[in-house]
Protein backbone atom coordinates (compact mmCIF):
# COMPACT_ATOMS: atom_id res chain seq x y z
CA UNK A 1 0.00 0.00 0.00
CA UNK A 2 1.38 3.41 -0.91
CA UNK A 3 1.73 5.99 1.85
CA UNK A 4 0.51 9.43 0.70
CA UNK A 5 2.87 12.32 1.24
CA UNK A 6 0.35 14.21 3.36
CA UNK A 7 0.25 11.34 5.88
CA UNK A 8 3.26 12.90 7.66
CA UNK A 9 2.14 15.31 10.38
CA UNK A 10 3.14 18.87 9.60
CA UNK A 11 4.37 19.86 13.08
CA UNK A 12 7.29 22.31 12.81
CA UNK A 13 10.79 21.10 13.71
CA UNK A 14 12.23 21.79 17.16
CA UNK A 15 12.60 25.49 17.90
CA UNK A 16 10.19 26.64 15.16
CA UNK A 17 6.66 27.91 15.51
CA UNK A 18 3.77 27.00 13.25
CA UNK A 19 4.06 28.97 10.03
CA UNK A 20 7.85 29.30 10.20
CA UNK A 21 9.72 28.03 7.14
CA UNK A 22 12.46 25.57 8.10
CA UNK A 23 15.79 26.52 6.57
CA UNK A 24 17.95 23.96 4.87
CA UNK A 25 20.67 22.76 7.23
CA UNK A 26 24.17 23.42 5.91
CA UNK A 27 27.73 23.12 7.18
CA UNK A 28 27.47 26.76 8.27
CA UNK A 29 24.33 25.90 10.24
CA UNK A 30 26.38 23.65 12.52
CA UNK A 31 28.82 26.47 13.23
CA UNK A 32 25.92 28.81 13.96
CA UNK A 33 24.26 26.25 16.26
CA UNK A 34 27.45 25.75 18.18
CA UNK A 35 27.96 29.49 18.54
CA UNK A 36 24.54 29.88 20.17
CA UNK A 37 24.89 26.71 22.25
CA UNK A 38 22.26 24.65 20.44
CA UNK A 39 22.93 20.92 20.29
CA UNK A 40 22.93 19.08 16.94
CA UNK A 41 20.58 16.10 16.63
CA UNK A 42 21.72 13.40 14.21
CA UNK A 43 20.13 10.04 13.42
CA UNK A 44 21.07 7.32 10.99
CA UNK A 45 18.72 6.68 8.06
CA UNK A 46 18.73 4.10 5.31
CA UNK A 47 15.50 4.48 3.33
CA UNK A 48 13.16 7.13 2.01
CA UNK A 49 10.25 6.62 4.39
CA UNK A 50 12.15 6.82 7.67
CA UNK A 51 14.30 9.63 6.29
CA UNK A 52 11.15 11.63 5.50
CA UNK A 53 9.75 11.03 8.99
CA UNK A 54 13.06 12.02 10.63
CA UNK A 55 13.28 15.19 8.53
CA UNK A 56 9.71 16.12 9.44
CA UNK A 57 10.52 15.44 13.12
CA UNK A 58 13.25 18.08 13.08
CA UNK A 59 16.37 15.91 13.01
CA UNK A 60 19.18 18.23 11.93
CA UNK A 61 21.34 15.78 10.02
CA UNK A 62 20.89 12.22 8.77
CA UNK A 63 23.78 9.80 8.60
CA UNK A 64 23.53 7.14 5.92
CA UNK A 65 25.69 4.82 7.94
CA UNK A 66 27.52 1.69 6.92
CA UNK A 67 25.79 0.34 10.02
CA UNK A 68 23.26 -0.73 7.39
CA UNK A 69 25.43 -3.82 7.13
CA UNK A 70 24.02 -4.85 10.50
CA UNK A 71 20.55 -3.30 10.75
CA UNK A 72 19.51 -3.73 7.09
CA UNK A 73 21.64 -6.60 5.83
CA UNK A 74 21.81 -8.59 9.06
CA UNK A 75 25.61 -8.88 9.13
CA UNK A 76 27.92 -8.86 12.13
CA UNK A 77 29.72 -5.65 11.17
CA UNK A 78 30.24 -2.91 8.61
CA UNK A 79 33.18 -4.28 6.62
CA UNK A 80 31.08 -6.09 4.02
CA UNK A 81 29.16 -2.95 2.96
CA UNK A 82 30.08 -1.86 -0.57
CA UNK A 83 30.21 1.56 -2.17
CA UNK A 84 27.30 0.51 -4.39
CA UNK A 85 25.30 -0.27 -1.23
CA UNK A 86 26.06 3.17 0.15
CA UNK A 87 25.15 4.92 -3.10
CA UNK A 88 21.81 3.10 -3.25
CA UNK A 89 20.83 3.90 0.34
CA UNK A 90 22.02 7.50 0.01
CA UNK A 91 19.76 7.92 -3.01
CA UNK A 92 16.83 6.54 -1.02
CA UNK A 93 17.46 8.85 1.94
CA UNK A 94 17.92 11.87 -0.31
CA UNK A 95 14.57 11.19 -1.96
CA UNK A 96 12.84 10.91 1.41
CA UNK A 97 14.30 14.21 2.61
CA UNK A 98 13.36 15.88 -0.68
CA UNK A 99 9.75 14.84 -0.19
CA UNK A 100 9.47 16.63 3.15
CA UNK A 101 11.14 19.86 2.06
CA UNK A 102 14.78 18.87 2.29
CA UNK A 103 15.76 20.43 5.64
CA UNK A 104 18.16 17.81 7.07
CA UNK A 105 21.75 17.66 5.88
CA UNK A 106 22.74 14.20 4.62
CA UNK A 107 26.06 12.66 5.61
CA UNK A 108 27.12 9.37 3.98
CA UNK A 109 29.77 6.92 5.15
CA UNK A 110 32.67 6.06 2.89
CA UNK A 111 32.65 2.27 3.36
CA UNK A 112 35.63 0.08 4.13
CA UNK A 113 37.88 -0.29 1.08
CA UNK A 114 36.59 2.81 -0.69
CA UNK A 115 39.20 5.34 0.54
CA UNK A 116 42.12 3.46 2.10
CA UNK A 117 44.03 2.71 -1.10
CA UNK A 118 44.71 6.29 -2.21
CA UNK A 119 43.43 9.85 -2.07
CA UNK A 120 42.35 9.47 -5.69
CA UNK A 121 40.24 6.46 -4.76
CA UNK A 122 38.71 8.50 -1.94
CA UNK A 123 37.64 11.39 -4.19
CA UNK A 124 36.07 9.03 -6.74
CA UNK A 125 34.13 7.32 -3.93
CA UNK A 126 33.12 10.65 -2.42
CA UNK A 127 31.92 11.93 -5.77
CA UNK A 128 29.68 8.87 -6.12
CA UNK A 129 28.07 9.55 -2.73
CA UNK A 130 27.70 13.28 -3.38
CA UNK A 131 26.11 12.56 -6.76
CA UNK A 132 23.66 10.25 -4.95
CA UNK A 133 22.53 13.08 -2.68
CA UNK A 134 25.00 13.36 0.21
CA UNK A 135 26.18 16.81 1.29
CA UNK A 136 29.06 15.46 3.40
CA UNK A 137 31.03 12.23 3.60
CA UNK A 138 32.35 10.50 6.70
CA UNK A 139 35.55 8.51 6.98
CA UNK A 140 37.07 6.68 9.92
CA UNK A 141 40.57 6.93 11.32
CA UNK A 142 43.19 9.09 12.89
CA UNK A 143 46.32 10.82 11.66
CA UNK A 144 46.71 8.85 8.45
CA UNK A 145 43.25 10.00 7.34
CA UNK A 146 44.06 13.71 7.67
CA UNK A 147 45.80 13.95 4.28
CA UNK A 148 42.84 12.26 2.62
CA UNK A 149 40.41 14.57 4.41
CA UNK A 150 42.38 17.62 3.24
CA UNK A 151 42.45 16.28 -0.33
CA UNK A 152 38.65 15.93 -0.28
CA UNK A 153 38.01 19.33 1.32
CA UNK A 154 40.25 21.08 -1.18
CA UNK A 155 38.08 19.60 -3.92
CA UNK A 156 34.83 20.81 -2.45
CA UNK A 157 33.75 17.76 -0.44
CA UNK A 158 32.72 18.52 3.16
CA UNK A 159 34.21 15.93 5.52
CA UNK A 160 33.16 14.37 8.81
CA UNK A 161 35.78 12.41 10.72
CA UNK A 162 35.21 9.48 13.07
CA UNK A 163 37.43 8.68 16.07
CA UNK A 164 37.27 6.49 19.15
CA UNK A 165 35.64 3.18 18.41
CA UNK A 166 35.87 2.89 14.62
CA UNK A 167 33.63 0.00 13.52
CA UNK A 168 35.45 -0.62 10.22
CA UNK A 169 38.62 -1.49 12.15
CA UNK A 170 37.03 -2.93 15.28
CA UNK A 171 39.05 -6.15 14.97
CA UNK A 172 42.32 -4.26 15.32
CA UNK A 173 40.92 -2.47 18.39
CA UNK A 174 40.24 -5.76 20.16
CA UNK A 175 36.47 -5.56 19.90
CA UNK A 176 33.81 -3.05 20.85
CA UNK A 177 35.73 -1.33 23.61
CA UNK A 178 35.89 2.19 25.00
CA UNK A 179 38.79 4.12 23.49
CA UNK A 180 40.98 6.78 25.10
CA UNK A 181 40.96 5.51 28.67
CA UNK A 182 44.73 5.67 29.09
CA UNK A 183 46.77 8.87 29.07
CA UNK A 184 48.47 7.72 25.88
CA UNK A 185 45.19 6.85 24.19
CA UNK A 186 43.60 10.14 25.20
CA UNK A 187 46.57 12.12 23.91
CA UNK A 188 46.44 10.29 20.60
CA UNK A 189 42.72 11.02 20.17
CA UNK A 190 43.29 14.70 20.89
CA UNK A 191 46.15 14.82 18.40
CA UNK A 192 44.11 13.01 15.74
CA UNK A 193 41.10 15.25 16.24
CA UNK A 194 43.25 18.38 15.93
CA UNK A 195 44.81 16.99 12.74
CA UNK A 196 41.38 16.36 11.23
CA UNK A 197 40.18 19.87 12.07
CA UNK A 198 43.37 21.32 10.59
CA UNK A 199 42.69 19.30 7.45
CA UNK A 200 39.30 20.99 7.10
CA UNK A 201 36.89 18.47 8.64
CA UNK A 202 33.88 20.38 9.96
CA UNK A 203 32.27 17.51 11.87
CA UNK A 204 33.71 14.70 13.98
CA UNK A 205 31.93 11.66 15.41
CA UNK A 206 33.37 10.53 18.75
CA UNK A 207 32.25 6.98 19.55
CA UNK A 208 32.64 5.26 22.93
CA UNK A 209 35.05 7.82 24.36
CA UNK A 210 35.08 8.86 28.04
CA UNK A 211 32.81 11.85 28.60
CA UNK A 212 35.54 14.06 30.04
CA UNK A 213 37.81 13.37 27.08
CA UNK A 214 35.02 14.01 24.55
CA UNK A 215 34.25 17.33 26.26
CA UNK A 216 37.95 18.28 26.18
CA UNK A 217 38.21 17.44 22.48
CA UNK A 218 35.08 19.50 21.83
CA UNK A 219 36.69 22.47 23.57
CA UNK A 220 39.86 21.92 21.51
CA UNK A 221 38.01 22.19 18.19
CA UNK A 222 36.38 25.59 17.59
CA UNK A 223 35.81 24.91 13.87
CA UNK A 224 34.68 21.28 14.04
CA UNK A 225 31.35 20.13 15.51
CA UNK A 226 31.74 17.00 17.62
CA UNK A 227 28.92 14.44 17.55
CA UNK A 228 28.93 11.92 20.38
CA UNK A 229 27.70 8.36 20.56
CA UNK A 230 28.45 6.83 23.91
CA UNK A 231 30.68 9.84 24.61
CA UNK A 232 28.71 11.90 27.11
CA UNK A 233 26.77 15.12 26.75
CA UNK A 234 29.74 17.47 26.42
CA UNK A 235 29.88 17.17 22.63
CA UNK A 236 28.25 19.61 20.20
CA UNK A 237 25.63 17.02 19.28
CA UNK A 238 24.51 13.41 19.49
CA UNK A 239 23.86 10.55 17.09
CA UNK A 240 22.11 7.22 17.51
CA UNK A 241 21.42 4.38 15.14
CA UNK A 242 17.75 4.83 14.30
CA UNK A 243 16.87 1.21 14.99
CA UNK A 244 18.44 1.45 18.45
CA UNK A 245 16.47 4.54 19.49
CA UNK A 246 13.29 2.85 18.24
CA UNK A 247 14.03 -0.26 20.32
CA UNK A 248 14.25 -2.69 17.39
CA UNK A 249 17.91 -3.65 17.58
CA UNK A 250 18.63 -7.23 16.47
CA UNK A 251 21.45 -7.61 18.99
CA UNK A 252 22.29 -6.44 22.49
CA UNK A 253 21.46 -2.79 23.14
CA UNK A 254 24.45 -0.67 24.13
CA UNK A 255 24.10 0.83 27.61
CA UNK A 256 24.25 4.40 26.29
CA UNK A 257 21.19 3.90 24.05
CA UNK A 258 17.71 5.05 25.08
CA UNK A 259 14.56 3.54 23.62
CA UNK A 260 12.56 6.63 22.64
CA UNK A 261 9.57 4.55 21.51
CA UNK A 262 8.74 3.96 25.16
CA UNK A 263 5.99 6.42 26.02
CA UNK A 264 5.67 7.63 22.40
CA UNK A 265 2.59 7.10 20.26
CA UNK A 266 4.50 6.55 17.02
CA UNK A 267 7.81 6.72 15.21
CA UNK A 268 7.63 10.45 14.46
CA UNK A 269 6.78 11.22 18.08
CA UNK A 270 9.73 9.10 19.22
CA UNK A 271 12.06 10.99 16.88
CA UNK A 272 10.68 14.33 18.10
CA UNK A 273 11.30 13.17 21.66
CA UNK A 274 14.88 12.29 20.74
CA UNK A 275 15.45 15.71 19.18
CA UNK A 276 14.04 17.45 22.27
CA UNK A 277 16.18 15.35 24.60
CA UNK A 278 19.34 16.15 22.65
CA UNK A 279 18.51 19.84 22.49
CA UNK A 280 17.65 20.22 26.18
CA UNK A 281 20.59 18.09 27.33
CA UNK A 282 18.55 15.33 28.98
CA UNK A 283 20.10 12.82 26.60
CA UNK A 284 22.57 11.32 27.16
CA UNK A 285 22.58 10.84 30.93
CA UNK A 286 26.23 11.09 31.91
CA UNK A 287 25.59 9.76 35.42
CA UNK A 288 24.03 6.64 33.96
CA UNK A 289 26.34 6.09 31.02
CA UNK A 290 29.74 7.42 32.17
CA UNK A 291 32.61 5.12 31.25
């Protein structure tokens, strides 16, 4: 059965009154939000329908994550996701956002094997994702990634970094473990984050990093918006895997996740609740989820 476009409630996004026209979120928007102390709400998205609902709910930015390898494809990790997979899902998400007015900025993951060989490989992969509808690409890794990030930025591709737990290389990290607990590890993350900002990255996901360290990195980076996942509330914004925040995870739920469907009367209401909780600072709960 087809779902008519007007089936999505027309409630304005967070912070807007009825009748206000939502402005398209851009890279500059994140800088403006940080300057006025407004948190950035990010969710993953993989298809047109959920992307449209998330956009209508006021989510600021949608991440087409290679986590689709687990939540869509049923795999054990992200390594098997191809560039073709990412292009397809980015196209779907872009169409969903277009249908609701196109407010949310779309970030797409560069999958494993699509940027590690060379900078030239990275720009070809990034161009494929941008052509599919992404406005920014995300790549994982520390210092070695900085040159690639700079190469992309110089060619007009906005870049989001990803430090801490990096799922594409989780095997080399010894599993899904908190990163940056030691003095050496914390210093390395701060150095890597500074290198990525210097290379022109304007967003940085910090995953499973101690809250105090994530807050320190955020303070270190005036030109790069940090987005936390399992990294405390001291970052410039938060991201969750959509399936996790809706309570439909196929595996074990991470302790930093909150099921926003509880007490909500539908998916859009749950997403609106998530946006409100990020904006007002009630999510995440550092006392409950501190590493």
